C-alpha atoms as a PDB file:
ATOM      1  CA  MET A   1      86.545  69.672  97.519  1.00  0.00           C
ATOM      2  CA  ILE A   2      89.999  71.289  97.580  1.00  0.00           C
ATOM      3  CA  SER A   3      91.223  72.415 100.979  1.00  0.00           C
ATOM      4  CA  THR A   4      91.782  76.101 101.586  1.00  0.00           C
ATOM      5  CA  THR A   5      95.296  75.204 102.796  1.00  0.00           C
ATOM      6  CA  ILE A   6      98.129  74.236 100.446  1.00  0.00           C
ATOM      7  CA  HIS A   7     101.811  73.621 101.168  1.00  0.00           C
ATOM      8  CA  THR A   8     103.575  73.617  97.785  1.00  0.00           C
ATOM      9  CA  VAL A   9     102.748  74.624  94.215  1.00  0.00           C
ATOM     10  CA  VAL A  10     104.950  73.572  91.280  1.00  0.00           C
ATOM     11  CA  ILE A  11     104.566  75.403  87.969  1.00  0.00           C
ATOM     12  CA  SER A  12     106.404  74.277  84.845  1.00  0.00           C
ATOM     13  CA  ALA A  13     106.104  76.690  81.916  1.00  0.00           C
ATOM     14  CA  PRO A  14     109.206  76.532  79.712  1.00  0.00           C
ATOM     15  CA  GLY A  15     107.666  77.801  76.468  1.00  0.00           C
ATOM     16  CA  ILE A  16     109.857  79.843  74.142  1.00  0.00           C
ATOM     17  CA  ASN A  17     112.621  82.176  75.187  1.00  0.00           C
ATOM     18  CA  ALA A  18     111.594  85.378  73.400  1.00  0.00           C
ATOM     19  CA  TRP A  19     110.219  88.316  75.369  1.00  0.00           C
ATOM     20  CA  GLU A  20     108.057  89.676  72.528  1.00  0.00           C
ATOM     21  CA  TYR A  21     105.826  86.584  72.477  1.00  0.00           C
ATOM     22  CA  LEU A  22     105.482  85.867  76.157  1.00  0.00           C
ATOM     23  CA  ALA A  23     102.766  88.036  77.624  1.00  0.00           C
ATOM     24  CA  PHE A  24      99.839  88.422  75.254  1.00  0.00           C
ATOM     25  CA  ASP A  25      98.472  85.068  74.081  1.00  0.00           C
ATOM     26  CA  SER A  26      96.787  81.904  75.355  1.00  0.00           C
ATOM     27  CA  PHE A  27      99.841  81.213  77.504  1.00  0.00           C
ATOM     28  CA  GLU A  28      99.191  84.468  79.371  1.00  0.00           C
ATOM     29  CA  LYS A  29      95.590  83.433  79.980  1.00  0.00           C
ATOM     30  CA  GLN A  30      96.645  80.037  81.352  1.00  0.00           C
ATOM     31  CA  VAL A  31      99.111  81.465  83.846  1.00  0.00           C
ATOM     32  CA  LYS A  32      96.790  84.274  84.949  1.00  0.00           C
ATOM     33  CA  SER A  33      93.831  81.933  85.401  1.00  0.00           C
ATOM     34  CA  ILE A  34      95.913  79.587  87.550  1.00  0.00           C
ATOM     35  CA  ARG A  35      97.177  82.497  89.632  1.00  0.00           C
ATOM     36  CA  PHE A  36      93.710  83.985  90.198  1.00  0.00           C
ATOM     37  CA  ALA A  37      92.187  80.566  90.972  1.00  0.00           C
ATOM     38  CA  MET A  38      94.860  79.819  93.592  1.00  0.00           C
ATOM     39  CA  GLU A  39      94.501  83.233  95.190  1.00  0.00           C
ATOM     40  CA  LYS A  40      90.754  82.788  95.516  1.00  0.00           C
ATOM     41  CA  LYS A  41      90.677  79.129  96.609  1.00  0.00           C
ATOM     42  CA  PHE A  42      93.611  78.797  98.994  1.00  0.00           C
ATOM     43  CA  THR A  43      92.663  81.520 101.421  1.00  0.00           C
ATOM     44  CA  ARG A  44      95.281  80.558 104.013  1.00  0.00           C
ATOM     45  CA  GLY A  45      98.127  81.238 101.625  1.00  0.00           C
ATOM     46  CA  LEU A  46     101.033  79.341 100.130  1.00  0.00           C
ATOM     47  CA  HIS A  47     104.082  77.904 101.903  1.00  0.00           C
ATOM     48  CA  ALA A  48     106.406  77.022  98.993  1.00  0.00           C
ATOM     49  CA  LEU A  49     106.520  77.786  95.272  1.00  0.00           C
ATOM     50  CA  HIS A  50     108.599  75.936  92.662  1.00  0.00           C
ATOM     51  CA  LEU A  51     108.909  77.514  89.213  1.00  0.00           C
ATOM     52  CA  ASP A  52     110.678  74.617  87.523  1.00  0.00           C
ATOM     53  CA  PRO A  53     111.400  75.533  84.771  1.00  0.00           C
ATOM     54  CA  VAL A  54     109.813  78.794  83.652  1.00  0.00           C
ATOM     55  CA  ASN A  55     110.460  81.540  81.153  1.00  0.00           C
ATOM     56  CA  ALA A  56     110.193  85.270  81.637  1.00  0.00           C
ATOM     57  CA  GLY A  57     106.582  85.310  80.478  1.00  0.00           C
ATOM     58  CA  ALA A  58     105.448  83.073  83.313  1.00  0.00           C
ATOM     59  CA  LEU A  59     107.230  85.327  85.779  1.00  0.00           C
ATOM     60  CA  LEU A  60     105.555  88.364  84.245  1.00  0.00           C
ATOM     61  CA  ASN A  61     102.099  86.841  84.652  1.00  0.00           C
ATOM     62  CA  LEU A  62     102.726  85.551  88.180  1.00  0.00           C
ATOM     63  CA  ARG A  63     103.704  88.969  89.517  1.00  0.00           C
ATOM     64  CA  TRP A  64     101.130  89.849  92.150  1.00  0.00           C
ATOM     65  CA  ARG A  65     102.329  93.218  93.426  1.00  0.00           C
ATOM     66  CA  GLY A  66     103.140  96.400  91.558  1.00  0.00           C
ATOM     67  CA  ALA A  67     102.476  96.626  87.817  1.00  0.00           C
ATOM     68  CA  THR A  68     100.718  93.280  87.483  1.00  0.00           C
ATOM     69  CA  ILE A  69      99.439  91.739  84.265  1.00  0.00           C
ATOM     70  CA  GLY A  70      95.686  91.963  84.694  1.00  0.00           C
ATOM     71  CA  SER A  71      93.968  93.507  87.680  1.00  0.00           C
ATOM     72  CA  ALA A  72      95.290  92.498  91.079  1.00  0.00           C
ATOM     73  CA  SER A  73      92.730  90.541  93.071  1.00  0.00           C
ATOM     74  CA  SER A  74      91.872  91.326  96.690  1.00  0.00           C
ATOM     75  CA  ASP A  75      92.970  87.766  97.507  1.00  0.00           C
ATOM     76  CA  ALA A  76      96.538  88.283  96.274  1.00  0.00           C
ATOM     77  CA  GLU A  77      98.007  89.711  99.482  1.00  0.00           C
ATOM     78  CA  PRO A  78      96.866  86.931 101.871  1.00  0.00           C
ATOM     79  CA  PHE A  79      97.850  84.228  99.361  1.00  0.00           C
ATOM     80  CA  TRP A  80     101.377  85.389  98.502  1.00  0.00           C
ATOM     81  CA  SER A  81     102.477  87.314 101.575  1.00  0.00           C
ATOM     82  CA  ASN A  82     103.261  84.210 103.666  1.00  0.00           C
ATOM     83  CA  LEU A  83     105.451  82.430 101.100  1.00  0.00           C
ATOM     84  CA  MET A  84     108.530  81.018 102.844  1.00  0.00           C
ATOM     85  CA  TRP A  85     110.340  78.919 100.218  1.00  0.00           C
ATOM     86  CA  LEU A  86     110.914  79.939  96.598  1.00  0.00           C
ATOM     87  CA  LYS A  87     112.683  77.802  94.006  1.00  0.00           C
ATOM     88  CA  ILE A  88     113.162  79.204  90.498  1.00  0.00           C
ATOM     89  CA  LYS A  89     114.764  77.626  87.453  1.00  0.00           C
ATOM     90  CA  LEU A  90     114.549  80.474  84.965  1.00  0.00           C
ATOM     91  CA  PHE A  91     115.516  80.430  81.298  1.00  0.00           C
ATOM     92  CA  ASN A  92     117.831  83.385  80.827  1.00  0.00           C
ATOM     93  CA  PRO A  93     116.450  85.671  78.085  1.00  0.00           C
ATOM     94  CA  LEU A  94     119.000  88.470  78.572  1.00  0.00           C
ATOM     95  CA  PRO A  95     121.371  87.582  75.692  1.00  0.00           C
ATOM     96  CA  HIS A  96     118.419  87.582  73.273  1.00  0.00           C
ATOM     97  CA  LEU A  97     116.806  90.882  74.274  1.00  0.00           C
ATOM     98  CA  ARG A  98     117.091  94.385  72.910  1.00  0.00           C
ATOM     99  CA  HIS A  99     118.365  96.867  75.458  1.00  0.00           C
ATOM    100  CA  THR A 100     114.977  98.286  76.445  1.00  0.00           C
ATOM    101  CA  ASN A 101     113.524  94.784  76.879  1.00  0.00           C
ATOM    102  CA  ARG A 102     116.559  93.769  78.911  1.00  0.00           C
ATOM    103  CA  VAL A 103     115.889  96.692  81.261  1.00  0.00           C
ATOM    104  CA  ASP A 104     112.211  95.711  81.540  1.00  0.00           C
ATOM    105  CA  PHE A 105     113.101  92.131  82.374  1.00  0.00           C
ATOM    106  CA  LEU A 106     115.636  93.065  85.062  1.00  0.00           C
ATOM    107  CA  LYS A 107     113.081  95.375  86.677  1.00  0.00           C
ATOM    108  CA  LEU A 108     110.486  92.595  86.533  1.00  0.00           C
ATOM    109  CA  LEU A 109     112.777  90.076  88.212  1.00  0.00           C
ATOM    110  CA  HIS A 110     113.900  92.560  90.867  1.00  0.00           C
ATOM    111  CA  ASP A 111     110.294  93.513  91.666  1.00  0.00           C
ATOM    112  CA  PHE A 112     109.089  89.892  91.694  1.00  0.00           C
ATOM    113  CA  LEU A 113     111.755  88.787  94.175  1.00  0.00           C
ATOM    114  CA  GLY A 114     111.251  91.924  96.245  1.00  0.00           C
ATOM    115  CA  SER A 115     107.559  91.145  96.674  1.00  0.00           C
ATOM    116  CA  PHE A 116     108.609  88.251  98.961  1.00  0.00           C
ATOM    117  CA  ARG A 117     111.217  90.130 100.989  1.00  0.00           C
ATOM    118  CA  ARG A 118     109.122  90.169 104.171  1.00  0.00           C
ATOM    119  CA  SER A 119     108.257  86.464 104.346  1.00  0.00           C
ATOM    120  CA  LEU A 120     110.854  84.430 102.457  1.00  0.00           C
ATOM    121  CA  ARG A 121     113.141  82.088 104.443  1.00  0.00           C
ATOM    122  CA  GLY A 122     114.799  80.167 101.603  1.00  0.00           C
ATOM    123  CA  LEU A 123     115.650  81.019  97.973  1.00  0.00           C
ATOM    124  CA  ASP A 124     116.978  78.494  95.450  1.00  0.00           C
ATOM    125  CA  PHE A 125     117.604  80.290  92.144  1.00  0.00           C
ATOM    126  CA  GLU A 126     119.131  78.842  88.968  1.00  0.00           C
ATOM    127  CA  TRP A 127     119.667  80.445  85.588  1.00  0.00           C
ATOM    128  CA  LEU A 128     119.072  78.009  82.715  1.00  0.00           C
ATOM    129  CA  GLY A 129     121.213  78.585  79.631  1.00  0.00           C
ATOM    130  CA  PRO A 130     123.796  81.397  79.802  1.00  0.00           C
ATOM    131  CA  GLU A 131     124.944  82.709  83.167  1.00  0.00           C
ATOM    132  CA  GLY A 132     122.937  85.560  84.647  1.00  0.00           C
ATOM    133  CA  PRO A 133     123.420  88.198  87.352  1.00  0.00           C
ATOM    134  CA  SER A 134     123.071  87.381  91.033  1.00  0.00           C
ATOM    135  CA  PRO A 135     119.370  87.660  91.960  1.00  0.00           C
ATOM    136  CA  LEU A 136     120.405  89.069  95.344  1.00  0.00           C
ATOM    137  CA  MET A 137     122.449  91.863  93.739  1.00  0.00           C
ATOM    138  CA  LEU A 138     120.284  93.028  90.838  1.00  0.00           C
ATOM    139  CA  ASP A 139     120.517  96.624  92.028  1.00  0.00           C
ATOM    140  CA  LEU A 140     124.243  96.502  91.166  1.00  0.00           C
ATOM    141  CA  VAL A 141     123.729  95.550  87.513  1.00  0.00           C
ATOM    142  CA  THR A 142     125.342  98.274  85.431  1.00  0.00           C
ATOM    143  CA  ASP A 143     123.636  99.901  82.466  1.00  0.00           C
ATOM    144  CA  PRO A 144     125.820 102.097  80.216  1.00  0.00           C
ATOM    145  CA  GLU A 145     122.748 103.952  78.919  1.00  0.00           C
ATOM    146  CA  GLY A 146     121.424 104.686  82.397  1.00  0.00           C
ATOM    147  CA  LEU A 147     117.946 103.258  81.824  1.00  0.00           C
ATOM    148  CA  TYR A 148     118.151 100.594  84.537  1.00  0.00           C
ATOM    149  CA  ARG A 149     118.034 101.627  88.167  1.00  0.00           C
ATOM    150  CA  ALA A 150     116.919  99.468  91.079  1.00  0.00           C
ATOM    151  CA  GLU A 151     116.910 100.155  94.781  1.00  0.00           C
ATOM    152  CA  PRO A 152     118.325  97.461  97.097  1.00  0.00           C
ATOM    153  CA  PHE A 153     115.875  95.987  99.575  1.00  0.00           C
ATOM    154  CA  GLN A 154     116.243  94.199 102.892  1.00  0.00           C
ATOM    155  CA  TRP A 155     115.203  90.541 103.239  1.00  0.00           C
ATOM    156  CA  ASN A 156     113.526  90.461 106.635  1.00  0.00           C
ATOM    157  CA  GLY A 157     113.981  86.754 107.341  1.00  0.00           C
ATOM    158  CA  LEU A 158     116.022  85.119 104.543  1.00  0.00           C
ATOM    159  CA  MET A 159     118.222  82.418 106.082  1.00  0.00           C
ATOM    160  CA  TYR A 160     119.169  80.170 103.155  1.00  0.00           C
ATOM    161  CA  ALA A 161     120.101  81.020  99.564  1.00  0.00           C
ATOM    162  CA  ARG A 162     121.487  78.868  96.763  1.00  0.00           C
ATOM    163  CA  LEU A 163     122.413  80.653  93.520  1.00  0.00           C
ATOM    164  CA  THR A 164     123.363  78.546  90.488  1.00  0.00           C
ATOM    165  CA  ASN A 165     124.870  79.566  87.136  1.00  0.00           C
ATOM    166  CA  THR A 166     125.377  83.171  88.213  1.00  0.00           C
ATOM    167  CA  ASP A 167     128.082  85.478  86.898  1.00  0.00           C
ATOM    168  CA  ALA A 168     131.497  85.345  88.550  1.00  0.00           C
ATOM    169  CA  VAL A 169     131.029  86.663  92.078  1.00  0.00           C
ATOM    170  CA  GLU A 170     133.476  88.494  94.267  1.00  0.00           C
ATOM    171  CA  VAL A 171     134.313  86.743  97.536  1.00  0.00           C
ATOM    172  CA  THR A 172     132.894  89.760  99.337  1.00  0.00           C
ATOM    173  CA  GLU A 173     129.352  89.060  98.129  1.00  0.00           C
ATOM    174  CA  LEU A 174     128.467  87.112 101.263  1.00  0.00           C
ATOM    175  CA  GLU A 175     129.465  90.019 103.489  1.00  0.00           C
ATOM    176  CA  VAL A 176     127.605  92.505 101.275  1.00  0.00           C
ATOM    177  CA  VAL A 177     124.446  90.399 101.296  1.00  0.00           C
ATOM    178  CA  GLN A 178     124.646  89.862 105.048  1.00  0.00           C
ATOM    179  CA  GLU A 179     125.325  93.457 105.960  1.00  0.00           C
ATOM    180  CA  THR A 180     123.059  95.257 103.500  1.00  0.00           C
ATOM    181  CA  ARG A 181     120.376  92.818 102.350  1.00  0.00           C
ATOM    182  CA  ALA A 182     119.858  89.765 104.577  1.00  0.00           C
ATOM    183  CA  ARG A 183     121.176  90.155 108.110  1.00  0.00           C
ATOM    184  CA  HIS A 184     119.665  86.806 109.185  1.00  0.00           C
ATOM    185  CA  LEU A 185     121.321  84.834 106.379  1.00  0.00           C
ATOM    186  CA  ARG A 186     122.895  81.629 107.691  1.00  0.00           C
ATOM    187  CA  LYS A 187     123.875  79.815 104.518  1.00  0.00           C
ATOM    188  CA  LEU A 188     124.737  81.152 101.059  1.00  0.00           C
ATOM    189  CA  ILE A 189     125.850  78.813  98.257  1.00  0.00           C
ATOM    190  CA  ILE A 190     126.991  80.357  94.969  1.00  0.00           C
ATOM    191  CA  ASN A 191     127.594  77.981  92.071  1.00  0.00           C
ATOM    192  CA  ASP A 192     128.033  75.141  94.610  1.00  0.00           C
ATOM    193  CA  TYR A 193     130.617  77.177  96.523  1.00  0.00           C
ATOM    194  CA  THR A 194     130.192  78.802  99.932  1.00  0.00           C
ATOM    195  CA  PRO A 195     132.450  81.899  99.939  1.00  0.00           C
ATOM    196  CA  ARG A 196     133.264  81.951 103.659  1.00  0.00           C
ATOM    197  CA  PRO A 197     131.674  81.057 107.006  1.00  0.00           C
ATOM    198  CA  LEU A 198     129.106  83.448 108.370  1.00  0.00           C
ATOM    199  CA  SER A 199     130.251  85.564 111.270  1.00  0.00           C
ATOM    200  CA  PRO A 200     129.347  84.329 114.795  1.00  0.00           C
ATOM    201  CA  SER A 201     127.346  87.476 115.522  1.00  0.00           C
ATOM    202  CA  SER A 202     125.231  86.999 112.420  1.00  0.00           C
ATOM    203  CA  GLN A 203     124.663  83.336 113.166  1.00  0.00           C
ATOM    204  CA  SER A 204     123.471  84.020 116.695  1.00  0.00           C
ATOM    205  CA  SER A 205     121.011  86.666 115.538  1.00  0.00           C
ATOM    206  CA  SER A 206     119.753  84.308 112.840  1.00  0.00           C
ATOM    207  CA  VAL A 207     119.212  81.444 115.246  1.00  0.00           C
ATOM    208  CA  ALA A 208     117.068  83.685 117.385  1.00  0.00           C
ATOM    209  CA  SER A 209     114.920  84.513 114.363  1.00  0.00           C
ATOM    210  CA  LEU A 210     114.130  80.921 113.363  1.00  0.00           C
ATOM    211  CA  SER A 211     110.426  80.310 112.995  1.00  0.00           C
ATOM    212  CA  PRO A 212     108.683  77.167 114.318  1.00  0.00           C
ATOM    213  CA  GLN A 213     108.434  75.821 110.752  1.00  0.00           C
ATOM    214  CA  SER A 214     112.223  75.960 110.249  1.00  0.00           C
ATOM    215  CA  SER A 215     115.073  74.081 111.852  1.00  0.00           C
ATOM    216  CA  GLU A 216     118.856  74.076 111.654  1.00  0.00           C
ATOM    217  CA  GLU A 217     118.724  70.662 109.996  1.00  0.00           C
ATOM    218  CA  ASP A 218     116.473  72.059 107.272  1.00  0.00           C
ATOM    219  CA  LEU A 219     118.946  74.844 106.511  1.00  0.00           C
ATOM    220  CA  THR A 220     122.080  72.687 106.559  1.00  0.00           C
ATOM    221  CA  GLY A 221     121.350  70.090 103.901  1.00  0.00           C
ATOM    222  CA  GLY A 222     118.782  72.118 101.963  1.00  0.00           C
ATOM    223  CA  PRO A 223     115.479  73.387 103.328  1.00  0.00           C
ATOM    224  CA  ALA A 224     112.653  70.898 103.646  1.00  0.00           C
ATOM    225  CA  GLY A 225     110.463  73.611 102.139  1.00  0.00           C
ATOM    226  CA  PHE A 226     111.964  72.768  98.738  1.00  0.00           C
ATOM    227  CA  ASP A 227     110.505  69.226  98.751  1.00  0.00           C
ATOM    228  CA  LYS A 228     107.752  68.491  96.210  1.00  0.00           C
ATOM    229  CA  ILE A 229     105.834  66.119  98.487  1.00  0.00           C
ATOM    230  CA  ASP A 230     102.054  66.592  98.179  1.00  0.00           C
ATOM    231  CA  ALA A 231     102.575  69.464  95.747  1.00  0.00           C
ATOM    232  CA  LEU A 232      99.917  70.867  93.438  1.00  0.00           C
ATOM    233  CA  MET A 233     101.507  70.766  89.979  1.00  0.00           C
ATOM    234  CA  PHE A 234     100.799  72.711  86.771  1.00  0.00           C
ATOM    235  CA  ASN A 235     102.571  71.900  83.512  1.00  0.00           C
ATOM    236  CA  MET A 236     102.100  74.347  80.640  1.00  0.00           C
ATOM    237  CA  GLU A 237     103.495  74.653  77.134  1.00  0.00           C
ATOM    238  CA  LEU A 238     103.244  77.503  74.688  1.00  0.00           C
END
């Protein structure tokens, strides 16, 4: 019998990189059934999630808050709300999308990440294929037609973030993220580059916020929460 406690789930769902075909077929049913089964079985919630690699369709069907695909289960909140470590390798569909679909996808990604803003401690995000926008700054993506608008949100406990294959970033991004989005952030790596050291005041406040499950060693070399040891793994193809 499977325990009601699980540390890490790894989902691999590369599929095809075309938005029109991602949400309404057998692939959708696979992802939704896995999501609902986990929410019902693992009643004590999830510690770490690896989406490695996934396409936009998997993200769409894993969204548990807001405009979800399928009815949201009563077990969704206790399962997802304690997630601390999130690793995403996401195929970038943006260059292949029509404008309206591009807007929909950006809103989806912004909402999906925002659903973990209260619990997440570490985020490791990589765009696969062409470069994409910073996942911490999606509210700043410009839209000439004015269809895309997103409100910034505050990460309550984010301490570690690694962003790979993102668009060229101003050196001020670290300060912007710290001051307006993640005041407890201790380490930010952008395309394998750390813009500048965090300010002493921010570091001291972050140290005070460390949870028992986290340690400075975890956050220095890469959080232990990103390990795949004893992970429950799902591998899906379209």
